[in-house]
Amino acid sequence: MYHILIVLHSYVRWFVLLSMIIAVGKAFNGYFSNKVFSKGDNALRHWTATFAHIQLMIGMILYFQSPVIKYFLKNKTEAGSDYSFFGMIHSTLMLAAIVIVTIGSALAKRKENDKEKFKTMLLWYSLALGVIFIAIPWPFSPFANRPYLR
């Protein structure tokens, strides 16, 4: 089951990243072009948050089953930067990003006019995307690095 979740996690993270980038791009375009907030825009807002929540659930299951995290939790003082990154930084920042996406989605849904919906989505989703980019273990990161595709 653990290996299935790892594979699922690998695919869903790309859905989250892609939907976030598309949502930010559409929100930017909609806000600055005074477009109508369509059913498609609303669906994108909703599905972006949904993919993020699915990723959160899979990530939490993997977090508590991961041998890296188990080692980190038992050996916090001796654990290296790779363990500390995944034990604290990555998980905390990704959780914060999901909270930001959730708040942004809920606020955008409740706005009265189209421009405000796009503005809210642009602001909150951009902030969440920035946090996600910081929390990704890039191949060039000095804290922890992973290949783009495993």
Protein backbone atom coordinates (compact mmCIF):
# COMPACT_ATOMS: atom_id res chain seq x y z
CA MET A 1 0.00 0.00 0.00
CA TYR A 2 2.86 2.37 0.86
CA HIS A 3 4.41 1.97 -2.60
CA ILE A 4 1.06 2.58 -4.30
CA LEU A 5 0.66 5.81 -2.34
CA ILE A 6 4.15 6.92 -3.33
CA VAL A 7 3.31 6.43 -7.02
CA LEU A 8 -0.06 8.17 -6.58
CA HIS A 9 1.66 11.01 -4.71
CA SER A 10 4.12 11.41 -7.59
CA TYR A 11 1.30 11.92 -10.09
CA VAL A 12 -1.04 14.04 -7.97
CA ARG A 13 1.71 16.51 -7.12
CA TRP A 14 2.03 17.33 -10.81
CA PHE A 15 -1.75 17.84 -11.04
CA VAL A 16 -1.54 20.23 -8.10
CA LEU A 17 1.38 22.16 -9.57
CA LEU A 18 -0.12 22.31 -13.06
CA SER A 19 -3.58 23.33 -11.85
CA MET A 20 -2.06 25.99 -9.58
CA ILE A 21 -0.05 27.48 -12.44
CA ILE A 22 -3.07 27.44 -14.76
CA ALA A 23 -5.33 28.93 -12.07
CA VAL A 24 -2.87 31.75 -11.35
CA GLY A 25 -2.48 32.42 -15.07
CA LYS A 26 -6.24 32.48 -15.70
CA ALA A 27 -6.82 34.65 -12.63
CA PHE A 28 -4.14 37.09 -13.80
CA ASN A 29 -5.62 37.21 -17.29
CA GLY A 30 -9.19 37.48 -16.00
CA TYR A 31 -8.37 40.25 -13.54
CA PHE A 32 -6.36 42.43 -15.90
CA SER A 33 -8.61 41.80 -18.93
CA ASN A 34 -11.88 42.35 -17.01
CA LYS A 35 -13.19 38.96 -18.09
CA VAL A 36 -16.31 37.22 -16.83
CA PHE A 37 -15.69 34.63 -14.12
CA SER A 38 -17.11 31.65 -16.00
CA LYS A 39 -18.25 28.23 -14.85
CA GLY A 40 -14.93 26.93 -16.15
CA ASP A 41 -13.03 29.41 -13.98
CA ASN A 42 -15.08 28.36 -10.99
CA ALA A 43 -14.44 24.68 -11.78
CA LEU A 44 -10.71 25.40 -12.03
CA ARG A 45 -10.83 27.15 -8.63
CA HIS A 46 -12.66 24.19 -7.13
CA TRP A 47 -10.56 21.41 -8.70
CA THR A 48 -7.28 23.12 -7.85
CA ALA A 49 -8.28 23.15 -4.18
CA THR A 50 -9.56 19.57 -4.46
CA PHE A 51 -6.29 18.29 -5.97
CA ALA A 52 -4.42 20.09 -3.19
CA HIS A 53 -6.59 18.42 -0.54
CA ILE A 54 -6.10 14.99 -2.10
CA GLN A 55 -2.36 15.60 -2.11
CA LEU A 56 -2.52 16.65 1.54
CA MET A 57 -4.28 13.41 2.53
CA ILE A 58 -1.80 11.24 0.62
CA GLY A 59 1.10 13.29 1.98
CA MET A 60 -0.06 12.91 5.57
CA ILE A 61 -0.37 9.14 5.22
CA LEU A 62 3.09 8.94 3.67
CA TYR A 63 4.54 11.29 6.28
CA PHE A 64 3.58 9.05 9.18
CA GLN A 65 4.68 5.85 7.39
CA SER A 66 7.93 7.16 5.94
CA PRO A 67 11.15 5.60 7.24
CA VAL A 68 12.85 8.99 6.78
CA ILE A 69 10.33 10.68 9.07
CA LYS A 70 10.43 7.84 11.61
CA TYR A 71 14.20 8.23 11.80
CA PHE A 72 13.91 12.01 12.06
CA LEU A 73 11.35 11.83 14.89
CA LYS A 74 13.57 9.44 16.88
CA ASN A 75 16.85 11.27 16.19
CA LYS A 76 16.01 14.95 15.84
CA THR A 77 19.31 16.20 17.19
CA GLU A 78 21.50 13.92 15.05
CA ALA A 79 19.40 14.04 11.89
CA GLY A 80 21.00 15.74 8.90
CA SER A 81 19.55 18.47 6.75
CA ASP A 82 17.78 16.02 4.43
CA TYR A 83 15.89 14.54 7.37
CA SER A 84 15.16 17.93 8.89
CA PHE A 85 13.90 19.27 5.57
CA PHE A 86 11.35 16.49 5.15
CA GLY A 87 10.62 16.19 8.87
CA MET A 88 9.80 19.86 9.45
CA ILE A 89 10.26 22.32 6.60
CA HIS A 90 8.63 20.52 3.67
CA SER A 91 5.65 19.25 5.62
CA THR A 92 4.99 22.54 7.42
CA LEU A 93 5.25 24.67 4.28
CA MET A 94 3.10 22.32 2.21
CA LEU A 95 0.44 22.28 4.93
CA ALA A 96 0.56 26.09 5.00
CA ALA A 97 0.19 26.18 1.20
CA ILE A 98 -2.91 23.96 1.37
CA VAL A 99 -4.41 26.20 4.04
CA ILE A 100 -3.72 29.25 1.85
CA VAL A 101 -5.32 27.55 -1.18
CA THR A 102 -8.35 26.60 0.90
CA ILE A 103 -8.82 30.12 2.24
CA GLY A 104 -8.34 31.62 -1.21
CA SER A 105 -10.81 29.24 -2.80
CA ALA A 106 -13.44 29.90 -0.13
CA LEU A 107 -13.00 33.67 -0.33
CA ALA A 108 -13.10 33.73 -4.14
CA LYS A 109 -16.25 31.63 -4.15
CA ARG A 110 -18.02 34.19 -1.95
CA LYS A 111 -17.02 37.36 -3.81
CA GLU A 112 -19.83 39.26 -5.49
CA ASN A 113 -18.28 40.42 -8.75
CA ASP A 114 -16.04 38.74 -11.29
CA LYS A 115 -13.07 41.09 -10.92
CA GLU A 116 -12.97 40.48 -7.15
CA LYS A 117 -13.15 36.70 -7.70
CA PHE A 118 -10.17 36.82 -10.06
CA LYS A 119 -8.27 39.17 -7.75
CA THR A 120 -8.83 36.95 -4.71
CA MET A 121 -7.85 33.84 -6.61
CA LEU A 122 -4.77 35.56 -8.03
CA LEU A 123 -3.60 36.78 -4.64
CA TRP A 124 -4.16 33.62 -2.59
CA TYR A 125 -3.20 31.06 -5.22
CA SER A 126 -0.03 33.00 -6.10
CA LEU A 127 0.94 33.09 -2.45
CA ALA A 128 0.31 29.35 -2.11
CA LEU A 129 2.26 28.64 -5.29
CA GLY A 130 5.19 30.65 -3.93
CA VAL A 131 5.16 28.63 -0.71
CA ILE A 132 4.98 25.39 -2.71
CA PHE A 133 7.98 26.43 -4.82
CA ILE A 134 9.96 27.12 -1.64
CA ALA A 135 9.01 23.72 -0.16
CA ILE A 136 9.89 21.62 -3.21
CA PRO A 137 13.09 19.58 -2.77
CA TRP A 138 14.66 20.86 -5.98
CA PRO A 139 17.61 18.95 -7.46
CA PHE A 140 19.77 22.04 -6.83
CA SER A 141 18.61 22.67 -3.24
CA PRO A 142 21.28 22.73 -0.52
CA PHE A 143 18.78 21.40 2.08
CA ALA A 144 17.40 18.33 0.35
CA ASN A 145 17.34 17.37 -3.26
CA ARG A 146 15.41 14.90 -5.30
CA PRO A 147 15.25 14.35 -9.05
CA TYR A 148 12.31 15.92 -10.88
CA LEU A 149 10.98 12.46 -11.75
CA ARG A 150 11.67 9.37 -9.69
